[in-house]
């Protein structure tokens, strides 16, 4: 399953909830595709098992994306 993760901004108070969601997705081996700007903000606060794929608009989302 491929899940695209999109967000523009978040506060420091949101990091625990975001981390919990991302950890659960990684534990289930869900392939994540991140909105690049969101990933660039998030990577300082969350450690990824591997570098995920990115998108910058709907035009470069993988065709097989199951959920946004």
C-alpha atoms as a PDB file:
ATOM      1  CA  UNK A   1       0.000   0.000   0.000  1.00  0.00           C
ATOM      2  CA  UNK A   2       1.213   3.507  -0.821  1.00  0.00           C
ATOM      3  CA  UNK A   3       0.127   6.410   1.370  1.00  0.00           C
ATOM      4  CA  UNK A   4       0.884   9.998   0.383  1.00  0.00           C
ATOM      5  CA  UNK A   5       1.432  12.269   3.387  1.00  0.00           C
ATOM      6  CA  UNK A   6       0.576  15.927   2.909  1.00  0.00           C
ATOM      7  CA  UNK A   7       0.697  18.837   5.318  1.00  0.00           C
ATOM      8  CA  UNK A   8       1.985  22.380   5.059  1.00  0.00           C
ATOM      9  CA  UNK A   9       2.686  23.384   8.644  1.00  0.00           C
ATOM     10  CA  UNK A  10       2.593  21.927  12.118  1.00  0.00           C
ATOM     11  CA  UNK A  11       3.450  23.035  15.613  1.00  0.00           C
ATOM     12  CA  UNK A  12       5.901  21.417  18.002  1.00  0.00           C
ATOM     13  CA  UNK A  13       2.913  20.229  20.026  1.00  0.00           C
ATOM     14  CA  UNK A  14       1.822  18.139  17.002  1.00  0.00           C
ATOM     15  CA  UNK A  15       5.074  16.174  16.736  1.00  0.00           C
ATOM     16  CA  UNK A  16       4.143  13.375  19.198  1.00  0.00           C
ATOM     17  CA  UNK A  17       0.879  12.642  17.352  1.00  0.00           C
ATOM     18  CA  UNK A  18       2.537  12.792  13.927  1.00  0.00           C
ATOM     19  CA  UNK A  19       5.332  10.512  15.147  1.00  0.00           C
ATOM     20  CA  UNK A  20       2.832   7.991  16.508  1.00  0.00           C
ATOM     21  CA  UNK A  21       0.967   7.851  13.194  1.00  0.00           C
ATOM     22  CA  UNK A  22       4.147   7.554  11.110  1.00  0.00           C
ATOM     23  CA  UNK A  23       5.573   4.869  13.410  1.00  0.00           C
ATOM     24  CA  UNK A  24       2.388   2.818  13.071  1.00  0.00           C
ATOM     25  CA  UNK A  25       2.485   3.113   9.286  1.00  0.00           C
ATOM     26  CA  UNK A  26       6.160   2.099   9.193  1.00  0.00           C
ATOM     27  CA  UNK A  27       5.470  -0.861  11.502  1.00  0.00           C
ATOM     28  CA  UNK A  28       2.903  -2.108   8.983  1.00  0.00           C
ATOM     29  CA  UNK A  29       5.388  -1.668   6.114  1.00  0.00           C
ATOM     30  CA  UNK A  30       3.267   1.004   4.433  1.00  0.00           C
ATOM     31  CA  UNK A  31       5.200   2.807   1.708  1.00  0.00           C
ATOM     32  CA  UNK A  32       5.104   6.534   2.450  1.00  0.00           C
ATOM     33  CA  UNK A  33       5.332   9.321  -0.119  1.00  0.00           C
ATOM     34  CA  UNK A  34       5.761  12.758   1.458  1.00  0.00           C
ATOM     35  CA  UNK A  35       4.934  16.237   0.309  1.00  0.00           C
ATOM     36  CA  UNK A  36       8.523  17.459   0.061  1.00  0.00           C
ATOM     37  CA  UNK A  37       8.127  20.682   2.067  1.00  0.00           C
ATOM     38  CA  UNK A  38       6.413  18.791   4.903  1.00  0.00           C
ATOM     39  CA  UNK A  39       9.153  16.148   4.967  1.00  0.00           C
ATOM     40  CA  UNK A  40      11.861  18.828   5.111  1.00  0.00           C
ATOM     41  CA  UNK A  41      10.246  20.261   8.253  1.00  0.00           C
ATOM     42  CA  UNK A  42       9.542  16.871   9.790  1.00  0.00           C
ATOM     43  CA  UNK A  43      12.898  15.152   9.269  1.00  0.00           C
ATOM     44  CA  UNK A  44      14.436  17.123  12.157  1.00  0.00           C
ATOM     45  CA  UNK A  45      11.917  15.599  14.577  1.00  0.00           C
ATOM     46  CA  UNK A  46      11.353  12.061  13.287  1.00  0.00           C
ATOM     47  CA  UNK A  47      13.764   9.333  12.265  1.00  0.00           C
ATOM     48  CA  UNK A  48      12.831   7.387   9.164  1.00  0.00           C
ATOM     49  CA  UNK A  49      13.825   3.779   8.494  1.00  0.00           C
ATOM     50  CA  UNK A  50      14.786   4.848   4.985  1.00  0.00           C
ATOM     51  CA  UNK A  51      14.490   7.983   2.898  1.00  0.00           C
ATOM     52  CA  UNK A  52      10.931   8.107   1.549  1.00  0.00           C
ATOM     53  CA  UNK A  53       9.762   9.171  -1.884  1.00  0.00           C
ATOM     54  CA  UNK A  54       8.510  12.727  -2.390  1.00  0.00           C
ATOM     55  CA  UNK A  55       5.913  14.673  -4.333  1.00  0.00           C
ATOM     56  CA  UNK A  56       5.525  18.401  -4.894  1.00  0.00           C
ATOM     57  CA  UNK A  57       2.135  18.424  -6.642  1.00  0.00           C
ATOM     58  CA  UNK A  58      -0.618  16.022  -7.619  1.00  0.00           C
ATOM     59  CA  UNK A  59       1.115  15.607 -10.961  1.00  0.00           C
ATOM     60  CA  UNK A  60       4.061  13.738  -9.477  1.00  0.00           C
ATOM     61  CA  UNK A  61       2.175  11.491  -7.054  1.00  0.00           C
ATOM     62  CA  UNK A  62       2.718   7.821  -7.896  1.00  0.00           C
ATOM     63  CA  UNK A  63      -0.208   6.498  -9.938  1.00  0.00           C
ATOM     64  CA  UNK A  64      -0.542   3.582  -7.527  1.00  0.00           C
ATOM     65  CA  UNK A  65      -1.128   5.855  -4.493  1.00  0.00           C
ATOM     66  CA  UNK A  66      -3.866   4.286  -2.376  1.00  0.00           C
ATOM     67  CA  UNK A  67      -4.499   7.107   0.082  1.00  0.00           C
ATOM     68  CA  UNK A  68      -3.644  10.770   0.639  1.00  0.00           C
END
